[in-house]
Amino acid sequence: MFTVKLVGGAKKSFLTEYLKIDKSDISIQELIDLLLEIKPTNSPKLDTENVLIAINGSDSSAMDGKFTKIKNNDLVSIIPIIHGGSSKKIIFEYSKKQIQIIEIKCNKSINIKFIDELRQRYPKILFQAVSSNFILNAYHLKKIISLSFESEKNNILLSNKLEIDILMRFALTTQISDAIKNVGIKPQLNFILIAIGNKKTLDSLYGELLPLSTNLFSKNNNLYLRNHFKITKKHLDSIHSKNALEDILIEKAAILV
C-alpha cells in the first residue's frame, strides 16, 4: 500500500487530498491509468500531461519517468502545472508563482542588455531568456521550469539563482558559461522570455513586449535538438511515450549534478 497526495487542482478531481492505494510495485504510468479509472465522473478533469509526479519528494523525471516503480509505503505527490494563455503568451502557475512565457522575434538590436534593462525596469520580476531552438513545446518548457522550482525548494539548485538553473537545464550542462553560449540570446534567432512575478506586473510587461513578440513554438526543433544532444533513433524508440524526445530531454535535465 502507498499514499497519493493530491495538490492544488488535483484535489478537486478526486474531492480529497489523500488517496490510499492498496498496491505496490506499480509504475507511474500504471498509477496514472488507475487514477483515471477511479476519478469521480462528476469532478474536474485531471490533465495528466501537465502534472509533476514526485515520489517521497523526488521528481520521478529524475528516476525512470513513467516507468518509475512505486514501492510499499511511498508517498506519491501529484502536482498540477496550471496554465492558460494565447498563441503569443502562456501563463501558468507553479508553487504559487505566476510564470509568463513570450517568444521574442529575432532582432539585431536585441542582446543581453535587453534583458538587463528589463530587470532594471521590472525589479520584482525574475527573467530568463532561452534560445527558441532549445525548446520543443509547452510540455517540454513547463517540465524543465518545474524541475528548477523543485530544485530550489529542495536546496539543490545547479546555481545560486533559479533563473540560471533554468538556463542550465535547457542546455543540459552544469557549466554556466556553456549554457549562456549555447542557449542564451543570439540576435539572429528568436528567443523565449521566461518571466516570473505577480499578475499585475506581468500584464504590464506583456503590454510593453507585445509588438516584439511572435507566435510561440511555431518552429519544429525536433531534429535540431536530436542532433545537438546526439539522441539516436534507437534511444527514442526505447521510450514508450508520445512525448519521447521531450521526456528524454527532461530526464537528462533532471539528473544534472
Protein backbone atom coordinates (compact mmCIF):
# COMPACT_ATOMS: atom_id res chain seq x y z
CA MET A 1 0.00 0.00 0.00
CA PHE A 2 1.12 3.58 -0.69
CA THR A 3 -0.34 7.09 -0.40
CA VAL A 4 -1.12 9.58 -3.15
CA LYS A 5 -1.10 13.24 -2.14
CA LEU A 6 -3.17 15.44 -4.45
CA VAL A 7 -2.06 19.06 -4.68
CA GLY A 8 -4.00 22.10 -5.95
CA GLY A 9 -6.45 21.34 -8.75
CA ALA A 10 -5.80 17.60 -8.44
CA LYS A 11 -7.70 17.66 -5.13
CA LYS A 12 -10.78 18.92 -6.99
CA SER A 13 -10.54 16.00 -9.41
CA PHE A 14 -10.78 13.45 -6.57
CA LEU A 15 -12.63 15.51 -3.92
CA THR A 16 -9.93 14.64 -1.37
CA GLU A 17 -6.29 15.45 -0.58
CA TYR A 18 -5.08 11.89 0.03
CA LEU A 19 -5.77 8.51 -1.56
CA LYS A 20 -4.65 5.15 -0.20
CA ILE A 21 -3.73 2.75 -3.00
CA ASP A 22 -3.72 -0.90 -1.97
CA LYS A 23 -0.98 -1.90 -4.41
CA SER A 24 2.81 -1.80 -4.65
CA ASP A 25 5.50 -2.22 -7.31
CA ILE A 26 3.38 -0.50 -9.94
CA SER A 27 4.76 2.12 -12.33
CA ILE A 28 3.88 5.81 -12.52
CA GLN A 29 2.07 5.09 -15.80
CA GLU A 30 0.04 2.33 -14.15
CA LEU A 31 -0.84 4.72 -11.33
CA ILE A 32 -1.99 7.35 -13.85
CA ASP A 33 -4.19 4.78 -15.60
CA LEU A 34 -5.63 3.71 -12.24
CA LEU A 35 -6.33 7.30 -11.15
CA LEU A 36 -8.20 7.99 -14.39
CA GLU A 37 -10.30 4.87 -13.76
CA ILE A 38 -11.25 5.75 -10.18
CA LYS A 39 -11.76 9.50 -10.65
CA PRO A 40 -15.36 10.52 -9.86
CA THR A 41 -17.25 11.10 -13.09
CA ASN A 42 -18.69 14.45 -11.99
CA SER A 43 -15.38 16.02 -10.93
CA PRO A 44 -12.98 18.24 -12.97
CA LYS A 45 -10.67 16.53 -15.47
CA LEU A 46 -7.17 15.57 -14.33
CA ASP A 47 -4.74 16.74 -17.03
CA THR A 48 -2.06 14.04 -16.74
CA GLU A 49 0.13 15.74 -19.38
CA ASN A 50 0.57 18.79 -17.16
CA VAL A 51 1.47 17.35 -13.79
CA LEU A 52 4.66 16.84 -11.86
CA ILE A 53 4.77 13.47 -10.09
CA ALA A 54 7.12 13.13 -7.14
CA ILE A 55 7.92 10.06 -5.04
CA ASN A 56 8.93 10.83 -1.45
CA GLY A 57 9.72 14.39 -2.56
CA SER A 58 11.86 13.48 -5.59
CA ASP A 59 10.67 14.21 -9.12
CA SER A 60 10.01 10.96 -10.99
CA SER A 61 11.57 12.53 -14.11
CA ALA A 62 14.92 12.15 -12.35
CA MET A 63 14.29 8.42 -11.93
CA ASP A 64 12.74 6.31 -14.69
CA GLY A 65 9.97 8.71 -15.65
CA LYS A 66 6.63 6.97 -16.16
CA PHE A 67 8.34 3.60 -15.67
CA THR A 68 9.44 4.50 -12.12
CA LYS A 69 8.22 1.85 -9.70
CA ILE A 70 6.21 2.84 -6.62
CA LYS A 71 7.02 0.80 -3.55
CA ASN A 72 5.16 -0.04 -0.37
CA ASN A 73 4.71 2.98 1.98
CA ASP A 74 5.83 5.51 -0.65
CA LEU A 75 4.26 8.98 -0.76
CA VAL A 76 3.42 9.97 -4.34
CA SER A 77 2.58 13.65 -4.90
CA ILE A 78 0.53 14.75 -7.92
CA ILE A 79 1.23 18.45 -8.60
CA PRO A 80 -0.66 20.15 -11.46
CA ILE A 81 1.08 22.80 -13.55
CA ILE A 82 -1.73 25.30 -14.09
CA HIS A 83 -1.65 27.12 -17.42
CA GLY A 84 -3.53 29.31 -19.80
CA GLY A 85 -2.96 31.97 -22.45
CA SER A 86 -2.98 32.59 -26.17
CA SER A 87 -0.80 31.73 -29.16
CA LYS A 88 1.50 34.63 -28.19
CA LYS A 89 1.58 34.09 -24.45
CA ILE A 90 1.43 31.28 -21.94
CA ILE A 91 0.65 31.95 -18.30
CA PHE A 92 0.90 29.15 -15.78
CA GLU A 93 1.23 28.81 -12.04
CA TYR A 94 3.75 26.73 -10.16
CA SER A 95 4.44 26.71 -6.44
CA LYS A 96 2.04 29.67 -6.10
CA LYS A 97 4.09 31.77 -8.54
CA GLN A 98 2.91 33.18 -11.86
CA ILE A 99 5.09 32.38 -14.87
CA GLN A 100 4.63 34.15 -18.21
CA ILE A 101 6.12 32.87 -21.46
CA ILE A 102 6.56 35.06 -24.57
CA GLU A 103 8.54 34.39 -27.75
CA ILE A 104 10.52 37.43 -28.95
CA LYS A 105 11.26 37.84 -32.66
CA CYS A 106 14.89 37.94 -33.78
CA ASN A 107 16.22 41.47 -33.92
CA LYS A 108 19.83 42.59 -34.38
CA SER A 109 19.33 45.34 -31.82
CA ILE A 110 18.28 42.88 -29.08
CA ASN A 111 21.03 41.33 -26.96
CA ILE A 112 21.77 40.55 -23.33
CA LYS A 113 21.48 44.25 -22.49
CA PHE A 114 17.82 43.98 -23.43
CA ILE A 115 17.23 41.57 -20.53
CA ASP A 116 19.35 43.68 -18.16
CA GLU A 117 17.22 46.72 -18.99
CA LEU A 118 14.03 44.73 -18.36
CA ARG A 119 15.41 43.70 -14.97
CA GLN A 120 16.03 47.35 -14.12
CA ARG A 121 12.52 48.43 -15.16
CA TYR A 122 10.81 45.42 -13.54
CA PRO A 123 12.86 44.65 -10.40
CA LYS A 124 10.12 42.41 -8.96
CA ILE A 125 10.22 40.03 -11.94
CA LEU A 126 12.74 37.20 -12.40
CA PHE A 127 13.78 36.96 -16.07
CA GLN A 128 15.47 34.33 -18.18
CA ALA A 129 15.86 34.13 -21.95
CA VAL A 130 16.33 30.82 -23.76
CA SER A 131 17.02 30.39 -27.47
CA SER A 132 13.86 29.14 -29.19
CA ASN A 133 15.95 26.39 -30.79
CA PHE A 134 16.24 24.66 -27.43
CA ILE A 135 12.54 24.43 -26.54
CA LEU A 136 10.25 21.93 -28.24
CA ASN A 137 6.83 22.92 -26.95
CA ALA A 138 4.85 23.94 -23.86
CA TYR A 139 5.12 20.46 -22.33
CA HIS A 140 8.92 20.50 -22.52
CA LEU A 141 9.14 24.08 -21.27
CA LYS A 142 6.85 23.66 -18.25
CA LYS A 143 8.51 20.43 -17.15
CA ILE A 144 12.00 21.96 -17.21
CA ILE A 145 10.85 25.02 -15.28
CA SER A 146 9.14 22.79 -12.72
CA LEU A 147 12.42 20.90 -12.24
CA SER A 148 14.14 24.17 -11.34
CA PHE A 149 11.39 25.12 -8.90
CA GLU A 150 11.61 21.74 -7.21
CA SER A 151 15.39 22.04 -7.04
CA GLU A 152 15.07 25.43 -5.39
CA LYS A 153 12.60 24.04 -2.86
CA ASN A 154 14.95 21.14 -2.06
CA ASN A 155 18.02 23.40 -1.98
CA ILE A 156 19.76 21.59 -4.84
CA LEU A 157 19.92 24.32 -7.49
CA LEU A 158 22.71 23.99 -10.05
CA SER A 159 23.45 27.66 -9.44
CA ASN A 160 22.65 30.12 -6.67
CA LYS A 161 19.88 31.62 -8.80
CA LEU A 162 16.67 30.00 -10.02
CA GLU A 163 16.83 31.72 -13.40
CA ILE A 164 20.38 30.44 -14.05
CA ASP A 165 19.32 26.92 -13.07
CA ILE A 166 16.54 27.10 -15.70
CA LEU A 167 19.04 28.08 -18.42
CA MET A 168 21.43 25.27 -17.46
CA ARG A 169 18.69 22.63 -17.53
CA PHE A 170 17.61 23.63 -21.05
CA ALA A 171 21.27 23.48 -22.11
CA LEU A 172 21.80 20.14 -20.28
CA THR A 173 25.03 21.36 -18.73
CA THR A 174 26.39 22.17 -15.29
CA GLN A 175 28.65 24.87 -16.76
CA ILE A 176 27.11 28.35 -16.70
CA SER A 177 29.40 29.62 -19.48
CA ASP A 178 28.37 26.74 -21.78
CA ALA A 179 24.69 27.34 -21.03
CA ILE A 180 24.98 31.04 -21.93
CA LYS A 181 27.00 30.27 -25.07
CA ASN A 182 24.65 27.59 -26.42
CA VAL A 183 21.23 28.56 -25.14
CA GLY A 184 21.46 32.30 -24.48
CA ILE A 185 20.22 35.17 -26.63
CA LYS A 186 21.53 35.40 -30.20
CA PRO A 187 20.45 38.41 -32.32
CA GLN A 188 19.72 36.25 -35.39
CA LEU A 189 17.38 33.85 -33.52
CA ASN A 190 14.05 34.06 -31.74
CA PHE A 191 14.16 33.50 -28.00
CA ILE A 192 11.70 32.51 -25.32
CA LEU A 193 11.37 35.03 -22.49
CA ILE A 194 10.50 33.45 -19.14
CA ALA A 195 9.19 35.96 -16.59
CA ILE A 196 8.26 35.07 -13.01
CA GLY A 197 6.31 37.56 -10.91
CA ASN A 198 2.83 38.78 -9.95
CA LYS A 199 -0.04 39.02 -12.44
CA LYS A 200 -0.31 42.82 -12.48
CA THR A 201 3.39 43.35 -13.24
CA LEU A 202 3.44 40.53 -15.80
CA ASP A 203 0.44 42.09 -17.58
CA SER A 204 2.35 45.39 -17.81
CA LEU A 205 5.37 43.58 -19.19
CA TYR A 206 3.30 41.79 -21.82
CA GLY A 207 1.75 45.08 -22.94
CA GLU A 208 5.23 46.52 -23.48
CA LEU A 209 6.64 43.49 -25.30
CA LEU A 210 3.66 42.54 -27.45
CA PRO A 211 4.96 44.42 -30.54
CA LEU A 212 8.21 42.42 -30.31
CA SER A 213 6.53 39.04 -29.85
CA THR A 214 5.56 36.26 -32.24
CA ASN A 215 3.50 33.07 -32.03
CA LEU A 216 5.00 30.56 -29.61
CA PHE A 217 6.65 27.32 -30.77
CA SER A 218 5.99 27.91 -34.47
CA LYS A 219 9.25 26.16 -35.43
CA ASN A 220 9.77 22.40 -35.15
CA ASN A 221 13.05 21.94 -33.28
CA ASN A 222 12.88 18.15 -33.06
CA LEU A 223 15.71 17.37 -35.49
CA TYR A 224 17.89 20.23 -34.24
CA LEU A 225 17.73 19.04 -30.63
CA ARG A 226 18.26 15.40 -31.58
CA ASN A 227 21.43 16.33 -33.44
CA HIS A 228 22.70 18.81 -30.85
CA PHE A 229 22.33 16.40 -27.94
CA LYS A 230 23.19 13.30 -30.02
CA ILE A 231 19.92 11.50 -29.33
CA THR A 232 19.62 8.46 -31.59
CA LYS A 233 16.54 6.88 -33.14
CA LYS A 234 17.30 3.77 -31.10
CA HIS A 235 17.11 5.81 -27.91
CA LEU A 236 13.83 7.42 -29.00
CA ASP A 237 12.32 4.06 -29.94
CA SER A 238 13.14 2.73 -26.46
CA ILE A 239 10.87 5.34 -24.84
CA HIS A 240 7.21 4.30 -24.82
CA SER A 241 5.69 7.78 -24.81
CA LYS A 242 4.03 10.13 -27.26
CA ASN A 243 6.49 12.75 -25.99
CA ALA A 244 9.62 10.59 -26.31
CA LEU A 245 12.12 13.34 -27.19
CA GLU A 246 10.69 15.71 -24.58
CA ASP A 247 10.86 13.01 -21.91
CA ILE A 248 14.49 12.21 -22.76
CA LEU A 249 15.46 15.89 -22.51
CA ILE A 250 13.55 16.28 -19.24
CA GLU A 251 15.20 13.18 -17.78
CA LYS A 252 18.65 14.43 -18.77
CA ALA A 253 17.88 17.84 -17.23
CA ALA A 254 16.65 16.23 -14.01
CA ILE A 255 19.82 14.28 -13.31
CA LEU A 256 22.35 17.11 -13.84
CA VAL A 257 24.70 17.35 -10.86
